Amino acid sequence: MLRTRIKICDKCRGTNVETLVPRIKEILPDAEIQIGCQNFCGIGQTKAFLILNHKPIIAENEDELIEKLKESCK
């Protein structure tokens, strides 16, 4: 089975790494989380986002992002 990979940006205003990473780990404790610029700067200034196995997930805020992540993992 392939390992789940999540990429998040620590530079964009729409994403708070300090609160997002623990929430991701609750849902996907074995996921590989990579933190760094993802070249989504335009979106990342106003929206929360992450990249799940090469697929971007974009939301208005972190709570909505977590809900979308849960749906994607079903």
N, C-alpha and C. Protein backbone atom coordinates (compact mmCIF):
# COMPACT_ATOMS: atom_id res chain seq x y z
N MET A 1 0.85 -1.19 0.00
CA MET A 1 0.00 0.00 0.00
C MET A 1 0.88 1.24 0.00
N LEU A 2 0.54 2.22 -0.82
CA LEU A 2 1.30 3.44 -0.90
C LEU A 2 1.06 4.33 0.31
N ARG A 3 2.10 5.00 0.71
CA ARG A 3 1.99 5.90 1.84
C ARG A 3 1.31 7.20 1.41
N THR A 4 0.45 7.71 2.25
CA THR A 4 -0.23 8.97 1.98
C THR A 4 0.76 10.11 2.14
N ARG A 5 0.79 10.99 1.14
CA ARG A 5 1.69 12.14 1.19
C ARG A 5 0.87 13.43 1.19
N ILE A 6 1.19 14.28 2.12
CA ILE A 6 0.53 15.57 2.22
C ILE A 6 1.59 16.65 2.19
N LYS A 7 1.34 17.66 1.36
CA LYS A 7 2.25 18.80 1.28
C LYS A 7 1.49 20.04 1.70
N ILE A 8 2.11 20.84 2.57
CA ILE A 8 1.51 22.10 2.99
C ILE A 8 2.56 23.20 2.95
N CYS A 9 2.09 24.42 2.81
CA CYS A 9 2.99 25.56 2.71
C CYS A 9 3.10 26.26 4.06
N ASP A 10 4.32 26.62 4.43
CA ASP A 10 4.53 27.35 5.67
C ASP A 10 4.71 28.85 5.42
N LYS A 11 4.52 29.29 4.21
CA LYS A 11 4.69 30.71 3.85
C LYS A 11 3.35 31.41 3.59
N CYS A 12 2.37 30.70 3.11
CA CYS A 12 1.10 31.30 2.73
C CYS A 12 0.28 31.73 3.95
N ARG A 13 -0.42 32.82 3.82
CA ARG A 13 -1.23 33.36 4.91
C ARG A 13 -2.48 32.53 5.20
N GLY A 14 -2.95 31.80 4.21
CA GLY A 14 -4.17 31.03 4.38
C GLY A 14 -4.00 29.73 5.14
N THR A 15 -2.75 29.36 5.42
CA THR A 15 -2.46 28.10 6.09
C THR A 15 -1.64 28.35 7.35
N ASN A 16 -2.11 27.81 8.48
CA ASN A 16 -1.38 27.90 9.73
C ASN A 16 -0.81 26.51 10.04
N VAL A 17 0.46 26.33 9.78
CA VAL A 17 1.10 25.02 9.93
C VAL A 17 1.01 24.52 11.37
N GLU A 18 1.13 25.42 12.35
CA GLU A 18 1.12 25.02 13.76
C GLU A 18 -0.19 24.37 14.18
N THR A 19 -1.29 24.80 13.61
CA THR A 19 -2.58 24.19 13.96
C THR A 19 -3.00 23.11 12.98
N LEU A 20 -2.58 23.24 11.72
CA LEU A 20 -3.01 22.29 10.70
C LEU A 20 -2.34 20.92 10.83
N VAL A 21 -1.04 20.90 11.08
CA VAL A 21 -0.32 19.62 11.14
C VAL A 21 -0.89 18.69 12.21
N PRO A 22 -1.13 19.15 13.45
CA PRO A 22 -1.71 18.22 14.44
C PRO A 22 -3.08 17.69 14.03
N ARG A 23 -3.87 18.50 13.37
CA ARG A 23 -5.20 18.05 12.93
C ARG A 23 -5.08 17.00 11.84
N ILE A 24 -4.12 17.18 10.94
CA ILE A 24 -3.88 16.18 9.89
C ILE A 24 -3.44 14.87 10.52
N LYS A 25 -2.55 14.95 11.51
CA LYS A 25 -2.03 13.74 12.16
C LYS A 25 -3.11 12.98 12.90
N GLU A 26 -4.15 13.67 13.38
CA GLU A 26 -5.28 12.98 14.01
C GLU A 26 -6.02 12.12 12.99
N ILE A 27 -6.15 12.63 11.78
CA ILE A 27 -6.89 11.93 10.73
C ILE A 27 -6.03 10.87 10.05
N LEU A 28 -4.79 11.23 9.76
CA LEU A 28 -3.87 10.35 9.02
C LEU A 28 -2.54 10.25 9.78
N PRO A 29 -2.49 9.49 10.85
CA PRO A 29 -1.28 9.45 11.68
C PRO A 29 -0.03 8.94 10.96
N ASP A 30 -0.20 8.15 9.92
CA ASP A 30 0.97 7.60 9.21
C ASP A 30 1.34 8.37 7.95
N ALA A 31 0.66 9.48 7.71
CA ALA A 31 0.93 10.25 6.50
C ALA A 31 2.31 10.91 6.56
N GLU A 32 2.93 10.99 5.41
CA GLU A 32 4.18 11.73 5.27
C GLU A 32 3.80 13.18 4.98
N ILE A 33 4.19 14.09 5.87
CA ILE A 33 3.84 15.50 5.71
C ILE A 33 5.09 16.28 5.34
N GLN A 34 5.02 16.94 4.20
CA GLN A 34 6.13 17.77 3.73
C GLN A 34 5.70 19.23 3.85
N ILE A 35 6.56 20.02 4.47
CA ILE A 35 6.27 21.43 4.68
C ILE A 35 7.24 22.28 3.89
N GLY A 36 6.70 23.20 3.11
CA GLY A 36 7.52 24.10 2.31
C GLY A 36 6.67 24.72 1.21
N CYS A 37 7.25 25.63 0.46
CA CYS A 37 6.52 26.30 -0.62
C CYS A 37 6.01 25.27 -1.63
N GLN A 38 4.74 25.42 -2.00
CA GLN A 38 4.11 24.51 -2.96
C GLN A 38 3.77 25.22 -4.27
N ASN A 39 4.19 26.46 -4.41
CA ASN A 39 3.92 27.26 -5.62
C ASN A 39 2.43 27.47 -5.87
N PHE A 40 1.67 27.62 -4.79
CA PHE A 40 0.25 27.96 -4.85
C PHE A 40 0.05 29.33 -4.22
N CYS A 41 0.99 30.22 -4.42
CA CYS A 41 1.04 31.50 -3.71
C CYS A 41 -0.23 32.34 -3.88
N GLY A 42 -0.77 32.39 -5.07
CA GLY A 42 -1.98 33.18 -5.29
C GLY A 42 -3.15 32.68 -4.46
N ILE A 43 -3.40 31.40 -4.52
CA ILE A 43 -4.48 30.78 -3.74
C ILE A 43 -4.16 30.84 -2.25
N GLY A 44 -2.93 30.55 -1.90
CA GLY A 44 -2.53 30.46 -0.50
C GLY A 44 -2.58 31.76 0.28
N GLN A 45 -2.68 32.88 -0.40
CA GLN A 45 -2.79 34.15 0.31
C GLN A 45 -4.17 34.36 0.92
N THR A 46 -5.18 33.73 0.36
CA THR A 46 -6.54 33.96 0.84
C THR A 46 -7.28 32.69 1.26
N LYS A 47 -6.77 31.53 0.88
CA LYS A 47 -7.47 30.27 1.18
C LYS A 47 -6.52 29.26 1.81
N ALA A 48 -7.10 28.35 2.57
CA ALA A 48 -6.34 27.24 3.14
C ALA A 48 -6.24 26.15 2.07
N PHE A 49 -5.09 25.52 1.99
CA PHE A 49 -4.95 24.43 1.02
C PHE A 49 -3.90 23.44 1.50
N LEU A 50 -3.98 22.25 0.93
CA LEU A 50 -2.95 21.24 1.07
C LEU A 50 -2.96 20.41 -0.20
N ILE A 51 -1.94 19.64 -0.38
CA ILE A 51 -1.86 18.75 -1.54
C ILE A 51 -1.82 17.32 -1.00
N LEU A 52 -2.82 16.54 -1.37
CA LEU A 52 -2.95 15.16 -0.92
C LEU A 52 -2.62 14.25 -2.09
N ASN A 53 -1.49 13.56 -2.01
CA ASN A 53 -1.07 12.65 -3.09
C ASN A 53 -1.19 13.32 -4.47
N HIS A 54 -0.62 14.48 -4.60
CA HIS A 54 -0.55 15.25 -5.85
C HIS A 54 -1.87 15.92 -6.24
N LYS A 55 -2.90 15.85 -5.38
CA LYS A 55 -4.18 16.48 -5.68
C LYS A 55 -4.41 17.64 -4.71
N PRO A 56 -4.54 18.86 -5.23
CA PRO A 56 -4.79 19.99 -4.32
C PRO A 56 -6.19 19.95 -3.73
N ILE A 57 -6.26 20.29 -2.46
CA ILE A 57 -7.54 20.46 -1.77
C ILE A 57 -7.53 21.90 -1.27
N ILE A 58 -8.55 22.66 -1.65
CA ILE A 58 -8.60 24.09 -1.35
C ILE A 58 -9.91 24.39 -0.63
N ALA A 59 -9.82 25.24 0.41
CA ALA A 59 -11.00 25.58 1.19
C ALA A 59 -10.92 27.03 1.66
N GLU A 60 -12.04 27.54 2.12
CA GLU A 60 -12.09 28.92 2.61
C GLU A 60 -11.33 29.09 3.93
N ASN A 61 -11.29 28.02 4.74
CA ASN A 61 -10.61 28.11 6.04
C ASN A 61 -10.12 26.72 6.45
N GLU A 62 -9.42 26.67 7.57
CA GLU A 62 -8.82 25.41 8.01
C GLU A 62 -9.87 24.36 8.38
N ASP A 63 -10.95 24.78 9.02
CA ASP A 63 -11.99 23.82 9.40
C ASP A 63 -12.60 23.14 8.16
N GLU A 64 -12.89 23.95 7.15
CA GLU A 64 -13.43 23.40 5.91
C GLU A 64 -12.40 22.50 5.21
N LEU A 65 -11.14 22.89 5.29
CA LEU A 65 -10.07 22.08 4.69
C LEU A 65 -10.00 20.71 5.34
N ILE A 66 -10.10 20.67 6.65
CA ILE A 66 -10.07 19.40 7.38
C ILE A 66 -11.26 18.53 6.98
N GLU A 67 -12.43 19.13 6.84
CA GLU A 67 -13.61 18.36 6.42
C GLU A 67 -13.42 17.78 5.02
N LYS A 68 -12.86 18.58 4.12
CA LYS A 68 -12.59 18.08 2.76
C LYS A 68 -11.54 16.97 2.77
N LEU A 69 -10.55 17.09 3.64
CA LEU A 69 -9.54 16.05 3.77
C LEU A 69 -10.19 14.75 4.24
N LYS A 70 -11.05 14.84 5.23
CA LYS A 70 -11.75 13.65 5.73
C LYS A 70 -12.56 12.99 4.62
N GLU A 71 -13.26 13.78 3.83
CA GLU A 71 -14.06 13.25 2.72
C GLU A 71 -13.16 12.56 1.68
N SER A 72 -12.01 13.15 1.42
CA SER A 72 -11.09 12.58 0.43
C SER A 72 -10.47 11.27 0.89
N CYS A 73 -10.46 11.05 2.19
CA CYS A 73 -9.82 9.84 2.74
C CYS A 73 -10.79 8.69 2.92
N LYS A 74 -12.06 8.89 2.63
CA LYS A 74 -13.04 7.82 2.80
C LYS A 74 -12.89 6.77 1.75
